[in-house]
N, C-alpha and C. Protein backbone atom coordinates (compact mmCIF):
# COMPACT_ATOMS: atom_id res chain seq x y z
N MET A 1 -70.67 20.50 -53.13
CA MET A 1 -71.10 18.86 -53.76
C MET A 1 -70.60 19.13 -55.13
N LEU A 2 -71.03 20.38 -55.74
CA LEU A 2 -70.68 20.55 -56.99
C LEU A 2 -68.86 20.48 -57.47
N HIS A 3 -67.86 21.19 -56.32
CA HIS A 3 -66.59 20.67 -56.01
C HIS A 3 -66.13 19.52 -56.22
N GLY A 4 -67.20 18.54 -55.84
CA GLY A 4 -66.61 17.10 -55.50
C GLY A 4 -66.22 16.17 -56.28
N LYS A 5 -67.99 16.82 -57.35
CA LYS A 5 -68.49 16.38 -58.43
C LYS A 5 -67.04 16.17 -60.12
N ALA A 6 -66.95 17.76 -59.74
CA ALA A 6 -66.12 18.08 -60.39
C ALA A 6 -64.65 17.81 -60.54
N MET A 7 -64.05 17.38 -58.91
CA MET A 7 -63.08 16.91 -59.48
C MET A 7 -62.52 15.49 -59.29
N GLY A 8 -63.18 14.57 -59.49
CA GLY A 8 -64.06 13.50 -59.38
C GLY A 8 -63.85 13.24 -60.79
N LEU A 9 -64.94 13.65 -61.42
CA LEU A 9 -64.57 13.98 -62.79
C LEU A 9 -63.24 13.86 -64.06
N LYS A 10 -62.57 15.61 -63.10
CA LYS A 10 -61.06 15.76 -63.38
C LYS A 10 -60.12 14.55 -63.01
N PHE A 11 -60.76 13.89 -61.87
CA PHE A 11 -59.67 12.63 -61.42
C PHE A 11 -59.60 11.47 -62.29
N ILE A 12 -61.05 11.25 -63.17
CA ILE A 12 -61.10 10.17 -63.05
C ILE A 12 -60.73 10.09 -64.87
N GLY A 13 -61.18 11.60 -65.46
CA GLY A 13 -60.81 11.59 -66.90
C GLY A 13 -59.14 11.70 -67.12
N SER A 14 -57.99 12.51 -66.39
CA SER A 14 -56.67 12.30 -66.28
C SER A 14 -56.45 11.19 -66.02
N LEU A 15 -56.44 10.58 -65.05
CA LEU A 15 -56.24 8.89 -64.65
C LEU A 15 -56.18 7.78 -65.84
N VAL A 16 -57.69 8.58 -66.08
CA VAL A 16 -57.57 7.48 -67.91
C VAL A 16 -55.91 7.70 -69.18
N VAL A 17 -56.36 9.07 -69.07
CA VAL A 17 -55.09 9.19 -69.93
C VAL A 17 -54.27 9.85 -69.60
N LEU A 18 -53.25 9.52 -68.51
CA LEU A 18 -52.21 9.43 -67.88
C LEU A 18 -51.87 8.42 -68.05
N TYR A 19 -52.38 6.90 -67.47
CA TYR A 19 -52.84 5.77 -67.44
C TYR A 19 -52.45 5.11 -68.72
N ILE A 20 -52.57 5.33 -69.56
CA ILE A 20 -52.53 5.02 -71.32
C ILE A 20 -51.30 5.04 -71.50
N LEU A 21 -50.68 7.03 -71.24
CA LEU A 21 -49.97 7.39 -71.50
C LEU A 21 -48.40 7.11 -70.68
N LEU A 22 -49.18 7.26 -69.72
CA LEU A 22 -47.48 6.85 -68.41
C LEU A 22 -46.85 5.03 -68.95
N CYS A 23 -48.09 4.83 -68.03
CA CYS A 23 -47.64 3.27 -67.51
C CYS A 23 -47.89 2.20 -69.05
N MET A 24 -48.38 1.85 -70.25
CA MET A 24 -48.73 1.24 -70.85
C MET A 24 -47.68 2.11 -72.34
N ILE A 25 -47.19 2.90 -72.44
CA ILE A 25 -46.27 3.58 -73.18
C ILE A 25 -45.29 3.91 -72.00
N PHE A 26 -44.76 4.39 -71.35
CA PHE A 26 -43.40 4.81 -70.99
C PHE A 26 -42.79 3.50 -70.03
N GLY A 27 -44.31 2.65 -69.39
CA GLY A 27 -43.66 1.80 -68.03
C GLY A 27 -43.71 1.97 -66.46
N ILE A 28 -44.19 3.34 -66.30
CA ILE A 28 -43.81 4.38 -65.17
C ILE A 28 -45.55 3.36 -64.36
N ASN A 29 -45.08 3.30 -62.99
CA ASN A 29 -45.36 2.67 -62.19
C ASN A 29 -46.78 3.47 -61.77
N PHE A 30 -47.97 2.28 -62.07
CA PHE A 30 -49.35 2.39 -61.63
C PHE A 30 -49.63 3.57 -60.45
N ILE A 31 -48.79 3.60 -59.17
CA ILE A 31 -48.73 4.28 -58.20
C ILE A 31 -48.33 5.57 -58.34
N ASN A 32 -47.07 5.91 -58.96
CA ASN A 32 -47.22 6.58 -59.56
C ASN A 32 -47.54 7.85 -60.84
N VAL A 33 -48.23 7.06 -61.62
CA VAL A 33 -49.09 7.91 -62.02
C VAL A 33 -50.46 7.97 -61.64
N PHE A 34 -51.31 7.54 -60.29
CA PHE A 34 -51.49 7.23 -59.25
C PHE A 34 -51.72 8.98 -58.57
N LEU A 35 -50.35 8.90 -58.31
CA LEU A 35 -50.69 9.71 -57.63
C LEU A 35 -49.90 11.52 -58.38
N ILE A 36 -49.20 11.16 -60.05
CA ILE A 36 -49.14 12.62 -60.56
C ILE A 36 -51.12 13.26 -60.99
N THR A 37 -51.48 11.64 -61.42
CA THR A 37 -53.03 12.42 -61.26
C THR A 37 -53.50 13.07 -60.44
N ALA A 38 -53.13 12.90 -58.77
CA ALA A 38 -53.88 13.47 -57.23
C ALA A 38 -52.98 14.96 -57.78
N LEU A 39 -52.20 15.17 -57.49
CA LEU A 39 -51.56 15.84 -57.69
C LEU A 39 -51.89 17.48 -58.66
N LEU A 40 -51.72 17.03 -59.76
CA LEU A 40 -52.21 17.84 -61.36
C LEU A 40 -53.82 17.80 -60.85
N GLY A 41 -54.36 17.31 -60.54
CA GLY A 41 -56.47 17.43 -60.30
C GLY A 41 -56.01 18.75 -59.58
N ILE A 42 -55.40 18.32 -58.16
CA ILE A 42 -55.53 19.58 -57.81
C ILE A 42 -55.51 20.82 -57.62
N ILE A 43 -54.18 20.58 -58.32
CA ILE A 43 -53.39 22.02 -58.06
C ILE A 43 -54.17 22.82 -59.81
N SER A 44 -54.65 22.30 -60.61
CA SER A 44 -54.77 22.95 -61.87
C SER A 44 -56.56 22.98 -61.62
N TYR A 45 -57.23 22.63 -60.86
CA TYR A 45 -59.01 22.65 -60.37
C TYR A 45 -57.96 24.10 -59.57
N MET A 46 -57.49 24.44 -58.49
CA MET A 46 -57.36 25.28 -57.50
C MET A 46 -57.14 26.62 -58.19
N LEU A 47 -55.83 26.19 -59.68
CA LEU A 47 -55.87 27.27 -60.07
C LEU A 47 -56.06 27.50 -60.75
N GLY A 48 -56.76 27.08 -62.00
CA GLY A 48 -57.63 27.13 -63.15
C GLY A 48 -58.90 26.58 -62.90
N ASP A 49 -59.05 25.83 -62.12
CA ASP A 49 -60.82 26.00 -62.87
C ASP A 49 -61.32 26.77 -61.95
N MET A 50 -61.04 26.68 -60.60
CA MET A 50 -61.86 27.55 -59.44
C MET A 50 -61.53 28.99 -59.85
N PRO A 51 -61.15 30.04 -60.05
CA PRO A 51 -61.18 30.96 -60.15
C PRO A 51 -61.44 31.03 -62.15
N ASN A 52 -61.63 30.58 -62.88
CA ASN A 52 -61.22 31.66 -64.05
C ASN A 52 -62.68 30.30 -65.40
N LEU A 53 -62.98 29.83 -64.72
CA LEU A 53 -64.54 28.58 -64.89
C LEU A 53 -65.58 29.71 -64.72
N PRO A 54 -65.55 30.40 -63.54
CA PRO A 54 -66.99 30.81 -64.01
C PRO A 54 -67.23 31.93 -64.43
N ARG A 55 -65.86 32.45 -64.65
CA ARG A 55 -65.67 34.09 -64.83
C ARG A 55 -65.45 33.92 -66.94
N THR A 56 -65.36 32.77 -67.13
CA THR A 56 -65.15 32.98 -68.65
C THR A 56 -66.01 32.28 -68.95
N GLY A 57 -66.54 30.70 -68.74
CA GLY A 57 -66.87 29.95 -69.06
C GLY A 57 -65.37 28.47 -69.46
N ASN A 58 -65.69 28.11 -71.04
CA ASN A 58 -64.86 26.98 -70.56
C ASN A 58 -63.27 27.56 -71.76
N THR A 59 -63.64 28.56 -72.24
CA THR A 59 -62.44 29.34 -73.28
C THR A 59 -61.06 29.36 -72.11
N ILE A 60 -60.90 29.44 -71.30
CA ILE A 60 -59.32 29.87 -70.72
C ILE A 60 -59.51 28.46 -69.50
N THR A 61 -59.97 27.98 -69.40
CA THR A 61 -59.90 26.53 -68.62
C THR A 61 -59.46 25.08 -69.42
N THR A 62 -59.33 25.21 -70.97
CA THR A 62 -57.91 24.61 -71.63
C THR A 62 -56.60 24.89 -71.52
N ALA A 63 -56.46 25.38 -70.91
CA ALA A 63 -54.85 25.89 -69.55
C ALA A 63 -54.70 24.13 -69.58
N ASP A 64 -55.52 23.69 -68.53
CA ASP A 64 -55.63 22.61 -68.63
C ASP A 64 -54.19 21.70 -69.45
N PHE A 65 -54.47 22.16 -70.22
CA PHE A 65 -53.03 20.96 -71.43
C PHE A 65 -51.53 21.88 -70.88
N GLY A 66 -52.00 23.31 -70.81
CA GLY A 66 -49.89 23.68 -70.62
C GLY A 66 -49.92 23.72 -69.13
N GLN A 67 -50.46 23.35 -67.55
CA GLN A 67 -50.56 22.89 -66.62
C GLN A 67 -50.07 21.66 -66.35
N ALA A 68 -50.28 20.38 -67.12
CA ALA A 68 -49.77 19.36 -66.84
C ALA A 68 -48.46 18.92 -67.86
N ILE A 69 -48.72 19.71 -68.69
CA ILE A 69 -47.58 19.35 -68.71
C ILE A 69 -46.35 19.75 -68.88
N VAL A 70 -46.17 21.29 -67.77
CA VAL A 70 -45.24 21.83 -67.03
C VAL A 70 -45.15 21.21 -65.65
N LEU A 71 -46.07 20.52 -65.80
CA LEU A 71 -46.43 20.11 -63.92
C LEU A 71 -45.57 18.43 -64.71
N ILE A 72 -46.29 17.68 -65.56
CA ILE A 72 -45.40 16.25 -65.22
C ILE A 72 -44.11 16.43 -65.78
């Protein structure tokens, strides 16, 4: 249940930010933004949050920004 809640919050937060940036500013289709958000959320959660968050707290997981830039 904790993974589902964390993924849901990460997805909603990312969707809002990417919707503002990609849909409103750059005119990208909402379906594409939705798919980008889903892929970005899954990849960053698996590679960044799951291994690093229990060990380090929130200091290392701010690297999600770097992952987002690379993946987008």
